[in-house]
């Protein structure tokens, strides 16, 4: 963890992920809300549990593995060694999926 500076990477990539989710939320406020996070532990909410489950399924079909939490939350728990490119690819999948949702 120390040799590979994984804690610092989690801080940097977590900010990148959260900023991207907040930007998507601003574009589609009627679809997702409450983007939040600390480090790489980020999440956002949908209006209903049914919409949350449907979006999770569509994200998975588009190649992004995300988790659910509570009744309306989708959460992200990427590995500590995730790269900027992988964050950007994930955000592109989220935006494409939310836009068509």
PDB file of N, CA and C in Angstrom:
ATOM      1  N   UNK A   1       0.846  -1.197   0.000  1.00  0.00           N
ATOM      2  CA  UNK A   1       0.000   0.000   0.000  1.00  0.00           C
ATOM      3  C   UNK A   1       0.882   1.247   0.000  1.00  0.00           C
ATOM      4  N   UNK A   2       1.897   1.252   0.827  1.00  0.00           N
ATOM      5  CA  UNK A   2       2.792   2.412   0.879  1.00  0.00           C
ATOM      6  C   UNK A   2       3.648   2.524  -0.371  1.00  0.00           C
ATOM      7  N   UNK A   3       4.220   1.397  -0.821  1.00  0.00           N
ATOM      8  CA  UNK A   3       5.103   1.414  -1.989  1.00  0.00           C
ATOM      9  C   UNK A   3       4.400   1.923  -3.238  1.00  0.00           C
ATOM     10  N   UNK A   4       3.167   1.558  -3.400  1.00  0.00           N
ATOM     11  CA  UNK A   4       2.419   1.943  -4.601  1.00  0.00           C
ATOM     12  C   UNK A   4       1.589   3.213  -4.389  1.00  0.00           C
ATOM     13  N   UNK A   5       1.707   3.835  -3.223  1.00  0.00           N
ATOM     14  CA  UNK A   5       1.008   5.090  -2.917  1.00  0.00           C
ATOM     15  C   UNK A   5      -0.501   4.970  -3.148  1.00  0.00           C
ATOM     16  N   UNK A   6      -1.058   3.865  -2.688  1.00  0.00           N
ATOM     17  CA  UNK A   6      -2.473   3.588  -2.947  1.00  0.00           C
ATOM     18  C   UNK A   6      -3.417   4.511  -2.195  1.00  0.00           C
ATOM     19  N   UNK A   7      -3.035   4.966  -1.021  1.00  0.00           N
ATOM     20  CA  UNK A   7      -3.901   5.895  -0.282  1.00  0.00           C
ATOM     21  C   UNK A   7      -3.993   7.219  -1.036  1.00  0.00           C
ATOM     22  N   UNK A   8      -2.862   7.717  -1.525  1.00  0.00           N
ATOM     23  CA  UNK A   8      -2.855   8.964  -2.301  1.00  0.00           C
ATOM     24  C   UNK A   8      -3.647   8.777  -3.598  1.00  0.00           C
ATOM     25  N   UNK A   9      -3.472   7.621  -4.248  1.00  0.00           N
ATOM     26  CA  UNK A   9      -4.219   7.359  -5.473  1.00  0.00           C
ATOM     27  C   UNK A   9      -5.720   7.338  -5.201  1.00  0.00           C
ATOM     28  N   UNK A  10      -6.120   6.737  -4.082  1.00  0.00           N
ATOM     29  CA  UNK A  10      -7.546   6.708  -3.739  1.00  0.00           C
ATOM     30  C   UNK A  10      -8.081   8.123  -3.552  1.00  0.00           C
ATOM     31  N   UNK A  11      -7.290   8.985  -2.942  1.00  0.00           N
ATOM     32  CA  UNK A  11      -7.706  10.381  -2.755  1.00  0.00           C
ATOM     33  C   UNK A  11      -7.866  11.088  -4.105  1.00  0.00           C
ATOM     34  N   UNK A  12      -6.865  10.948  -4.956  1.00  0.00           N
ATOM     35  CA  UNK A  12      -6.881  11.629  -6.261  1.00  0.00           C
ATOM     36  C   UNK A  12      -8.005  11.092  -7.147  1.00  0.00           C
ATOM     37  N   UNK A  13      -8.077   9.776  -7.285  1.00  0.00           N
ATOM     38  CA  UNK A  13      -9.084   9.185  -8.167  1.00  0.00           C
ATOM     39  C   UNK A  13     -10.490   9.326  -7.587  1.00  0.00           C
ATOM     40  N   UNK A  14     -10.601   9.334  -6.262  1.00  0.00           N
ATOM     41  CA  UNK A  14     -11.903   9.555  -5.642  1.00  0.00           C
ATOM     42  C   UNK A  14     -12.444  10.940  -5.946  1.00  0.00           C
ATOM     43  N   UNK A  15     -11.568  11.945  -5.908  1.00  0.00           N
ATOM     44  CA  UNK A  15     -11.994  13.305  -6.278  1.00  0.00           C
ATOM     45  C   UNK A  15     -12.437  13.351  -7.727  1.00  0.00           C
ATOM     46  N   UNK A  16     -11.680  12.667  -8.589  1.00  0.00           N
ATOM     47  CA  UNK A  16     -12.026  12.625 -10.015  1.00  0.00           C
ATOM     48  C   UNK A  16     -13.395  11.967 -10.211  1.00  0.00           C
ATOM     49  N   UNK A  17     -13.616  10.851  -9.526  1.00  0.00           N
ATOM     50  CA  UNK A  17     -14.894  10.147  -9.629  1.00  0.00           C
ATOM     51  C   UNK A  17     -16.032  11.007  -9.113  1.00  0.00           C
ATOM     52  N   UNK A  18     -15.862  11.610  -7.949  1.00  0.00           N
ATOM     53  CA  UNK A  18     -16.927  12.431  -7.372  1.00  0.00           C
ATOM     54  C   UNK A  18     -17.227  13.643  -8.246  1.00  0.00           C
ATOM     55  N   UNK A  19     -16.214  14.319  -8.739  1.00  0.00           N
ATOM     56  CA  UNK A  19     -16.448  15.473  -9.615  1.00  0.00           C
ATOM     57  C   UNK A  19     -17.193  15.060 -10.872  1.00  0.00           C
ATOM     58  N   UNK A  20     -16.859  13.903 -11.410  1.00  0.00           N
ATOM     59  CA  UNK A  20     -17.567  13.407 -12.592  1.00  0.00           C
ATOM     60  C   UNK A  20     -19.018  13.085 -12.293  1.00  0.00           C
ATOM     61  N   UNK A  21     -19.263  12.458 -11.148  1.00  0.00           N
ATOM     62  CA  UNK A  21     -20.647  12.147 -10.774  1.00  0.00           C
ATOM     63  C   UNK A  21     -21.446  13.416 -10.527  1.00  0.00           C
ATOM     64  N   UNK A  22     -20.819  14.409  -9.902  1.00  0.00           N
ATOM     65  CA  UNK A  22     -21.506  15.688  -9.681  1.00  0.00           C
ATOM     66  C   UNK A  22     -21.826  16.374 -11.003  1.00  0.00           C
ATOM     67  N   UNK A  23     -20.937  16.280 -11.978  1.00  0.00           N
ATOM     68  CA  UNK A  23     -21.198  16.874 -13.295  1.00  0.00           C
ATOM     69  C   UNK A  23     -22.367  16.170 -13.980  1.00  0.00           C
ATOM     70  N   UNK A  24     -22.416  14.851 -13.877  1.00  0.00           N
ATOM     71  CA  UNK A  24     -23.531  14.098 -14.459  1.00  0.00           C
ATOM     72  C   UNK A  24     -24.831  14.464 -13.752  1.00  0.00           C
ATOM     73  N   UNK A  25     -24.775  14.601 -12.445  1.00  0.00           N
ATOM     74  CA  UNK A  25     -25.965  15.000 -11.683  1.00  0.00           C
ATOM     75  C   UNK A  25     -26.474  16.369 -12.137  1.00  0.00           C
ATOM     76  N   UNK A  26     -25.567  17.299 -12.389  1.00  0.00           N
ATOM     77  CA  UNK A  26     -25.981  18.631 -12.857  1.00  0.00           C
ATOM     78  C   UNK A  26     -26.639  18.564 -14.224  1.00  0.00           C
ATOM     79  N   UNK A  27     -26.174  17.656 -15.087  1.00  0.00           N
ATOM     80  CA  UNK A  27     -26.766  17.506 -16.420  1.00  0.00           C
ATOM     81  C   UNK A  27     -28.127  16.825 -16.366  1.00  0.00           C
ATOM     82  N   UNK A  28     -28.292  15.897 -15.423  1.00  0.00           N
ATOM     83  CA  UNK A  28     -29.503  15.080 -15.352  1.00  0.00           C
ATOM     84  C   UNK A  28     -30.083  15.077 -13.936  1.00  0.00           C
ATOM     85  N   UNK A  29     -30.420  16.262 -13.398  1.00  0.00           N
ATOM     86  CA  UNK A  29     -30.890  16.326 -12.003  1.00  0.00           C
ATOM     87  C   UNK A  29     -32.223  15.616 -11.772  1.00  0.00           C
ATOM     88  N   UNK A  30     -32.988  15.412 -12.805  1.00  0.00           N
ATOM     89  CA  UNK A  30     -34.258  14.714 -12.656  1.00  0.00           C
ATOM     90  C   UNK A  30     -34.059  13.201 -12.597  1.00  0.00           C
ATOM     91  N   UNK A  31     -32.850  12.737 -12.934  1.00  0.00           N
ATOM     92  CA  UNK A  31     -32.590  11.295 -12.957  1.00  0.00           C
ATOM     93  C   UNK A  31     -31.764  10.816 -11.772  1.00  0.00           C
ATOM     94  N   UNK A  32     -30.699  11.552 -11.410  1.00  0.00           N
ATOM     95  CA  UNK A  32     -29.882  11.167 -10.262  1.00  0.00           C
ATOM     96  C   UNK A  32     -29.688  12.361  -9.338  1.00  0.00           C
ATOM     97  N   UNK A  33     -29.404  12.077  -8.077  1.00  0.00           N
ATOM     98  CA  UNK A  33     -29.224  13.149  -7.101  1.00  0.00           C
ATOM     99  C   UNK A  33     -28.250  12.703  -6.009  1.00  0.00           C
ATOM    100  N   UNK A  34     -27.875  13.670  -5.177  1.00  0.00           N
ATOM    101  CA  UNK A  34     -27.103  13.411  -3.971  1.00  0.00           C
ATOM    102  C   UNK A  34     -25.786  12.688  -4.231  1.00  0.00           C
ATOM    103  N   UNK A  35     -25.057  13.098  -5.280  1.00  0.00           N
ATOM    104  CA  UNK A  35     -23.722  12.526  -5.503  1.00  0.00           C
ATOM    105  C   UNK A  35     -22.851  12.894  -4.307  1.00  0.00           C
ATOM    106  N   UNK A  36     -22.141  11.878  -3.800  1.00  0.00           N
ATOM    107  CA  UNK A  36     -21.353  12.112  -2.592  1.00  0.00           C
ATOM    108  C   UNK A  36     -20.226  11.093  -2.540  1.00  0.00           C
ATOM    109  N   UNK A  37     -19.253  11.361  -1.672  1.00  0.00           N
ATOM    110  CA  UNK A  37     -18.201  10.388  -1.524  1.00  0.00           C
ATOM    111  C   UNK A  37     -17.039  10.866  -0.686  1.00  0.00           C
ATOM    112  N   UNK A  38     -16.266   9.897  -0.256  1.00  0.00           N
ATOM    113  CA  UNK A  38     -15.015  10.112   0.444  1.00  0.00           C
ATOM    114  C   UNK A  38     -14.018   9.128  -0.139  1.00  0.00           C
ATOM    115  N   UNK A  39     -12.904   9.640  -0.629  1.00  0.00           N
ATOM    116  CA  UNK A  39     -11.967   8.752  -1.300  1.00  0.00           C
ATOM    117  C   UNK A  39     -12.667   8.084  -2.469  1.00  0.00           C
ATOM    118  N   UNK A  40     -12.433   6.805  -2.631  1.00  0.00           N
ATOM    119  CA  UNK A  40     -13.062   6.083  -3.731  1.00  0.00           C
ATOM    120  C   UNK A  40     -14.463   5.566  -3.413  1.00  0.00           C
ATOM    121  N   UNK A  41     -14.926   5.786  -2.200  1.00  0.00           N
ATOM    122  CA  UNK A  41     -16.266   5.337  -1.820  1.00  0.00           C
ATOM    123  C   UNK A  41     -17.265   6.427  -2.192  1.00  0.00           C
ATOM    124  N   UNK A  42     -17.806   6.317  -3.393  1.00  0.00           N
ATOM    125  CA  UNK A  42     -18.733   7.325  -3.915  1.00  0.00           C
ATOM    126  C   UNK A  42     -20.095   6.682  -4.177  1.00  0.00           C
ATOM    127  N   UNK A  43     -21.120   7.542  -4.241  1.00  0.00           N
ATOM    128  CA  UNK A  43     -22.481   7.044  -4.449  1.00  0.00           C
ATOM    129  C   UNK A  43     -23.365   8.158  -4.992  1.00  0.00           C
ATOM    130  N   UNK A  44     -24.521   7.760  -5.515  1.00  0.00           N
ATOM    131  CA  UNK A  44     -25.578   8.710  -5.870  1.00  0.00           C
ATOM    132  C   UNK A  44     -26.910   8.004  -5.708  1.00  0.00           C
ATOM    133  N   UNK A  45     -27.987   8.788  -5.689  1.00  0.00           N
ATOM    134  CA  UNK A  45     -29.329   8.259  -5.474  1.00  0.00           C
ATOM    135  C   UNK A  45     -30.191   8.398  -6.717  1.00  0.00           C
ATOM    136  N   UNK A  46     -31.209   7.557  -6.773  1.00  0.00           N
ATOM    137  CA  UNK A  46     -32.254   7.650  -7.784  1.00  0.00           C
ATOM    138  C   UNK A  46     -33.580   7.885  -7.084  1.00  0.00           C
ATOM    139  N   UNK A  47     -34.602   8.310  -7.814  1.00  0.00           N
ATOM    140  CA  UNK A  47     -35.874   8.644  -7.161  1.00  0.00           C
ATOM    141  C   UNK A  47     -36.580   7.471  -6.474  1.00  0.00           C
ATOM    142  N   UNK A  48     -36.490   6.262  -7.043  1.00  0.00           N
ATOM    143  CA  UNK A  48     -37.222   5.124  -6.478  1.00  0.00           C
ATOM    144  C   UNK A  48     -36.335   3.874  -6.470  1.00  0.00           C
ATOM    145  N   UNK A  49     -36.685   2.901  -5.638  1.00  0.00           N
ATOM    146  CA  UNK A  49     -35.935   1.640  -5.646  1.00  0.00           C
ATOM    147  C   UNK A  49     -36.001   0.933  -7.007  1.00  0.00           C
ATOM    148  N   UNK A  50     -37.149   1.018  -7.660  1.00  0.00           N
ATOM    149  CA  UNK A  50     -37.304   0.378  -8.961  1.00  0.00           C
ATOM    150  C   UNK A  50     -36.376   1.008 -10.001  1.00  0.00           C
ATOM    151  N   UNK A  51     -36.276   2.333  -9.987  1.00  0.00           N
ATOM    152  CA  UNK A  51     -35.376   3.007 -10.925  1.00  0.00           C
ATOM    153  C   UNK A  51     -33.922   2.677 -10.600  1.00  0.00           C
ATOM    154  N   UNK A  52     -33.591   2.605  -9.322  1.00  0.00           N
ATOM    155  CA  UNK A  52     -32.235   2.245  -8.915  1.00  0.00           C
ATOM    156  C   UNK A  52     -31.863   0.867  -9.454  1.00  0.00           C
ATOM    157  N   UNK A  53     -32.758  -0.101  -9.263  1.00  0.00           N
ATOM    158  CA  UNK A  53     -32.487  -1.464  -9.718  1.00  0.00           C
ATOM    159  C   UNK A  53     -32.374  -1.533 -11.238  1.00  0.00           C
ATOM    160  N   UNK A  54     -33.232  -0.800 -11.926  1.00  0.00           N
ATOM    161  CA  UNK A  54     -33.182  -0.784 -13.386  1.00  0.00           C
ATOM    162  C   UNK A  54     -31.879  -0.163 -13.881  1.00  0.00           C
ATOM    163  N   UNK A  55     -31.462   0.938 -13.266  1.00  0.00           N
ATOM    164  CA  UNK A  55     -30.222   1.583 -13.694  1.00  0.00           C
ATOM    165  C   UNK A  55     -29.024   0.686 -13.393  1.00  0.00           C
ATOM    166  N   UNK A  56     -29.018   0.034 -12.247  1.00  0.00           N
ATOM    167  CA  UNK A  56     -27.919  -0.875 -11.941  1.00  0.00           C
ATOM    168  C   UNK A  56     -27.810  -1.956 -13.020  1.00  0.00           C
ATOM    169  N   UNK A  57     -28.925  -2.510 -13.431  1.00  0.00           N
ATOM    170  CA  UNK A  57     -28.923  -3.525 -14.484  1.00  0.00           C
ATOM    171  C   UNK A  57     -28.392  -3.006 -15.798  1.00  0.00           C
ATOM    172  N   UNK A  58     -28.770  -1.789 -16.150  1.00  0.00           N
ATOM    173  CA  UNK A  58     -28.293  -1.187 -17.404  1.00  0.00           C
ATOM    174  C   UNK A  58     -26.798  -0.869 -17.325  1.00  0.00           C
ATOM    175  N   UNK A  59     -26.338  -0.386 -16.171  1.00  0.00           N
ATOM    176  CA  UNK A  59     -24.901  -0.131 -16.007  1.00  0.00           C
ATOM    177  C   UNK A  59     -24.119  -1.427 -16.162  1.00  0.00           C
ATOM    178  N   UNK A  60     -24.601  -2.494 -15.557  1.00  0.00           N
ATOM    179  CA  UNK A  60     -23.947  -3.785 -15.659  1.00  0.00           C
ATOM    180  C   UNK A  60     -23.921  -4.262 -17.111  1.00  0.00           C
ATOM    181  N   UNK A  61     -25.038  -4.116 -17.808  1.00  0.00           N
ATOM    182  CA  UNK A  61     -25.107  -4.513 -19.219  1.00  0.00           C
ATOM    183  C   UNK A  61     -24.134  -3.701 -20.075  1.00  0.00           C
ATOM    184  N   UNK A  62     -23.845  -2.481 -19.650  1.00  0.00           N
ATOM    185  CA  UNK A  62     -22.899  -1.621 -20.375  1.00  0.00           C
ATOM    186  C   UNK A  62     -21.462  -1.799 -19.895  1.00  0.00           C
ATOM    187  N   UNK A  63     -21.229  -2.764 -19.014  1.00  0.00           N
ATOM    188  CA  UNK A  63     -19.872  -3.098 -18.626  1.00  0.00           C
ATOM    189  C   UNK A  63     -19.360  -2.489 -17.342  1.00  0.00           C
ATOM    190  N   UNK A  64     -20.256  -1.940 -16.505  1.00  0.00           N
ATOM    191  CA  UNK A  64     -19.819  -1.315 -15.259  1.00  0.00           C
ATOM    192  C   UNK A  64     -20.453  -2.034 -14.070  1.00  0.00           C
ATOM    193  N   UNK A  65     -19.614  -2.538 -13.187  1.00  0.00           N
ATOM    194  CA  UNK A  65     -20.085  -3.225 -11.996  1.00  0.00           C
ATOM    195  C   UNK A  65     -20.205  -2.221 -10.861  1.00  0.00           C
ATOM    196  N   UNK A  66     -21.429  -2.015 -10.376  1.00  0.00           N
ATOM    197  CA  UNK A  66     -21.699  -1.122  -9.247  1.00  0.00           C
ATOM    198  C   UNK A  66     -22.540  -1.881  -8.241  1.00  0.00           C
ATOM    199  N   UNK A  67     -22.593  -1.352  -7.036  1.00  0.00           N
ATOM    200  CA  UNK A  67     -23.355  -1.974  -5.956  1.00  0.00           C
ATOM    201  C   UNK A  67     -24.557  -1.126  -5.604  1.00  0.00           C
ATOM    202  N   UNK A  68     -25.536  -1.756  -4.966  1.00  0.00           N
ATOM    203  CA  UNK A  68     -26.669  -1.003  -4.440  1.00  0.00           C
ATOM    204  C   UNK A  68     -26.507  -0.888  -2.930  1.00  0.00           C
ATOM    205  N   UNK A  69     -27.200   0.084  -2.377  1.00  0.00           N
ATOM    206  CA  UNK A  69     -27.134   0.322  -0.944  1.00  0.00           C
ATOM    207  C   UNK A  69     -28.436   1.003  -0.542  1.00  0.00           C
ATOM    208  N   UNK A  70     -28.967   0.662   0.623  1.00  0.00           N
ATOM    209  CA  UNK A  70     -30.219   1.265   1.039  1.00  0.00           C
ATOM    210  C   UNK A  70     -31.298   0.975   0.017  1.00  0.00           C
ATOM    211  N   UNK A  71     -32.230   1.896  -0.112  1.00  0.00           N
ATOM    212  CA  UNK A  71     -33.339   1.645  -1.034  1.00  0.00           C
ATOM    213  C   UNK A  71     -33.181   2.322  -2.389  1.00  0.00           C
ATOM    214  N   UNK A  72     -32.379   3.391  -2.476  1.00  0.00           N
ATOM    215  CA  UNK A  72     -32.299   4.133  -3.743  1.00  0.00           C
ATOM    216  C   UNK A  72     -30.867   4.471  -4.175  1.00  0.00           C
ATOM    217  N   UNK A  73     -29.875   3.883  -3.551  1.00  0.00           N
ATOM    218  CA  UNK A  73     -28.487   4.296  -3.786  1.00  0.00           C
ATOM    219  C   UNK A  73     -27.722   3.309  -4.647  1.00  0.00           C
ATOM    220  N   UNK A  74     -26.932   3.866  -5.538  1.00  0.00           N
ATOM    221  CA  UNK A  74     -25.920   3.122  -6.284  1.00  0.00           C
ATOM    222  C   UNK A  74     -24.578   3.591  -5.765  1.00  0.00           C
ATOM    223  N   UNK A  75     -23.706   2.636  -5.457  1.00  0.00           N
ATOM    224  CA  UNK A  75     -22.410   3.007  -4.898  1.00  0.00           C
ATOM    225  C   UNK A  75     -21.277   2.379  -5.686  1.00  0.00           C
ATOM    226  N   UNK A  76     -20.133   3.021  -5.574  1.00  0.00           N
ATOM    227  CA  UNK A  76     -18.916   2.610  -6.261  1.00  0.00           C
ATOM    228  C   UNK A  76     -17.884   2.202  -5.227  1.00  0.00           C
ATOM    229  N   UNK A  77     -17.198   1.093  -5.460  1.00  0.00           N
ATOM    230  CA  UNK A  77     -16.118   0.639  -4.580  1.00  0.00           C
ATOM    231  C   UNK A  77     -14.982   0.105  -5.458  1.00  0.00           C
ATOM    232  N   UNK A  78     -14.347   0.975  -6.227  1.00  0.00           N
ATOM    233  CA  UNK A  78     -13.275   0.507  -7.109  1.00  0.00           C
ATOM    234  C   UNK A  78     -12.016   0.143  -6.325  1.00  0.00           C
ATOM    235  N   UNK A  79     -11.119  -0.596  -6.958  1.00  0.00           N
ATOM    236  CA  UNK A  79      -9.870  -0.959  -6.284  1.00  0.00           C
ATOM    237  C   UNK A  79      -8.983   0.258  -6.050  1.00  0.00           C
ATOM    238  N   UNK A  80      -8.138   0.179  -5.046  1.00  0.00           N
ATOM    239  CA  UNK A  80      -7.271   1.307  -4.692  1.00  0.00           C
ATOM    240  C   UNK A  80      -6.294   1.670  -5.806  1.00  0.00           C
ATOM    241  N   UNK A  81      -5.996   0.744  -6.687  1.00  0.00           N
ATOM    242  CA  UNK A  81      -5.029   1.025  -7.752  1.00  0.00           C
ATOM    243  C   UNK A  81      -5.692   1.428  -9.073  1.00  0.00           C
ATOM    244  N   UNK A  82      -6.936   1.859  -9.035  1.00  0.00           N
ATOM    245  CA  UNK A  82      -7.639   2.274 -10.248  1.00  0.00           C
ATOM    246  C   UNK A  82      -6.936   3.485 -10.874  1.00  0.00           C
ATOM    247  N   UNK A  83      -6.949   3.529 -12.189  1.00  0.00           N
ATOM    248  CA  UNK A  83      -6.274   4.615 -12.918  1.00  0.00           C
ATOM    249  C   UNK A  83      -7.263   5.706 -13.319  1.00  0.00           C
ATOM    250  N   UNK A  84      -6.709   6.849 -13.715  1.00  0.00           N
ATOM    251  CA  UNK A  84      -7.539   7.949 -14.217  1.00  0.00           C
ATOM    252  C   UNK A  84      -8.326   7.515 -15.441  1.00  0.00           C
ATOM    253  N   UNK A  85      -7.688   6.732 -16.293  1.00  0.00           N
ATOM    254  CA  UNK A  85      -8.355   6.266 -17.513  1.00  0.00           C
ATOM    255  C   UNK A  85      -9.553   5.379 -17.172  1.00  0.00           C
ATOM    256  N   UNK A  86      -9.399   4.531 -16.155  1.00  0.00           N
ATOM    257  CA  UNK A  86     -10.499   3.665 -15.755  1.00  0.00           C
ATOM    258  C   UNK A  86     -11.629   4.464 -15.114  1.00  0.00           C
ATOM    259  N   UNK A  87     -11.291   5.497 -14.356  1.00  0.00           N
ATOM    260  CA  UNK A  87     -12.320   6.382 -13.789  1.00  0.00           C
ATOM    261  C   UNK A  87     -13.076   7.061 -14.920  1.00  0.00           C
ATOM    262  N   UNK A  88     -12.341   7.600 -15.886  1.00  0.00           N
ATOM    263  CA  UNK A  88     -12.981   8.285 -17.016  1.00  0.00           C
ATOM    264  C   UNK A  88     -13.872   7.338 -17.813  1.00  0.00           C
ATOM    265  N   UNK A  89     -13.416   6.109 -18.012  1.00  0.00           N
ATOM    266  CA  UNK A  89     -14.225   5.121 -18.725  1.00  0.00           C
ATOM    267  C   UNK A  89     -15.501   4.810 -17.937  1.00  0.00           C
ATOM    268  N   UNK A  90     -15.384   4.675 -16.633  1.00  0.00           N
ATOM    269  CA  UNK A  90     -16.548   4.420 -15.787  1.00  0.00           C
ATOM    270  C   UNK A  90     -17.546   5.567 -15.857  1.00  0.00           C
ATOM    271  N   UNK A  91     -17.036   6.795 -15.782  1.00  0.00           N
ATOM    272  CA  UNK A  91     -17.915   7.969 -15.853  1.00  0.00           C
ATOM    273  C   UNK A  91     -18.601   8.066 -17.208  1.00  0.00           C
ATOM    274  N   UNK A  92     -17.896   7.707 -18.269  1.00  0.00           N
ATOM    275  CA  UNK A  92     -18.504   7.725 -19.599  1.00  0.00           C
ATOM    276  C   UNK A  92     -19.655   6.721 -19.666  1.00  0.00           C
ATOM    277  N   UNK A  93     -19.464   5.555 -19.069  1.00  0.00           N
ATOM    278  CA  UNK A  93     -20.538   4.552 -19.039  1.00  0.00           C
ATOM    279  C   UNK A  93     -21.720   5.063 -18.223  1.00  0.00           C
ATOM    280  N   UNK A  94     -21.448   5.661 -17.071  1.00  0.00           N
ATOM    281  CA  UNK A  94     -22.532   6.205 -16.241  1.00  0.00           C
ATOM    282  C   UNK A  94     -23.297   7.269 -17.013  1.00  0.00           C
ATOM    283  N   UNK A  95     -22.574   8.202 -17.621  1.00  0.00           N
ATOM    284  CA  UNK A  95     -23.268   9.282 -18.330  1.00  0.00           C
ATOM    285  C   UNK A  95     -24.089   8.749 -19.495  1.00  0.00           C
ATOM    286  N   UNK A  96     -23.520   7.859 -20.292  1.00  0.00           N
ATOM    287  CA  UNK A  96     -24.248   7.293 -21.424  1.00  0.00           C
ATOM    288  C   UNK A  96     -25.503   6.565 -20.947  1.00  0.00           C
ATOM    289  N   UNK A  97     -25.373   5.837 -19.866  1.00  0.00           N
ATOM    290  CA  UNK A  97     -26.488   5.041 -19.365  1.00  0.00           C
ATOM    291  C   UNK A  97     -27.565   5.928 -18.744  1.00  0.00           C
ATOM    292  N   UNK A  98     -27.163   6.917 -17.949  1.00  0.00           N
ATOM    293  CA  UNK A  98     -28.127   7.826 -17.334  1.00  0.00           C
ATOM    294  C   UNK A  98     -28.841   8.637 -18.410  1.00  0.00           C
ATOM    295  N   UNK A  99     -28.103   9.089 -19.398  1.00  0.00           N
ATOM    296  CA  UNK A  99     -28.702   9.894 -20.473  1.00  0.00           C
ATOM    297  C   UNK A  99     -29.823   9.129 -21.176  1.00  0.00           C
ATOM    298  N   UNK A 100     -29.612   7.857 -21.428  1.00  0.00           N
ATOM    299  CA  UNK A 100     -30.620   7.067 -22.151  1.00  0.00           C
ATOM    300  C   UNK A 100     -31.665   6.455 -21.226  1.00  0.00           C
ATOM    301  N   UNK A 101     -31.515   6.665 -19.918  1.00  0.00           N
ATOM    302  CA  UNK A 101     -32.384   6.053 -18.934  1.00  0.00           C
ATOM    303  C   UNK A 101     -33.714   6.770 -18.825  1.00  0.00           C
TER     304      UNK A 101
END
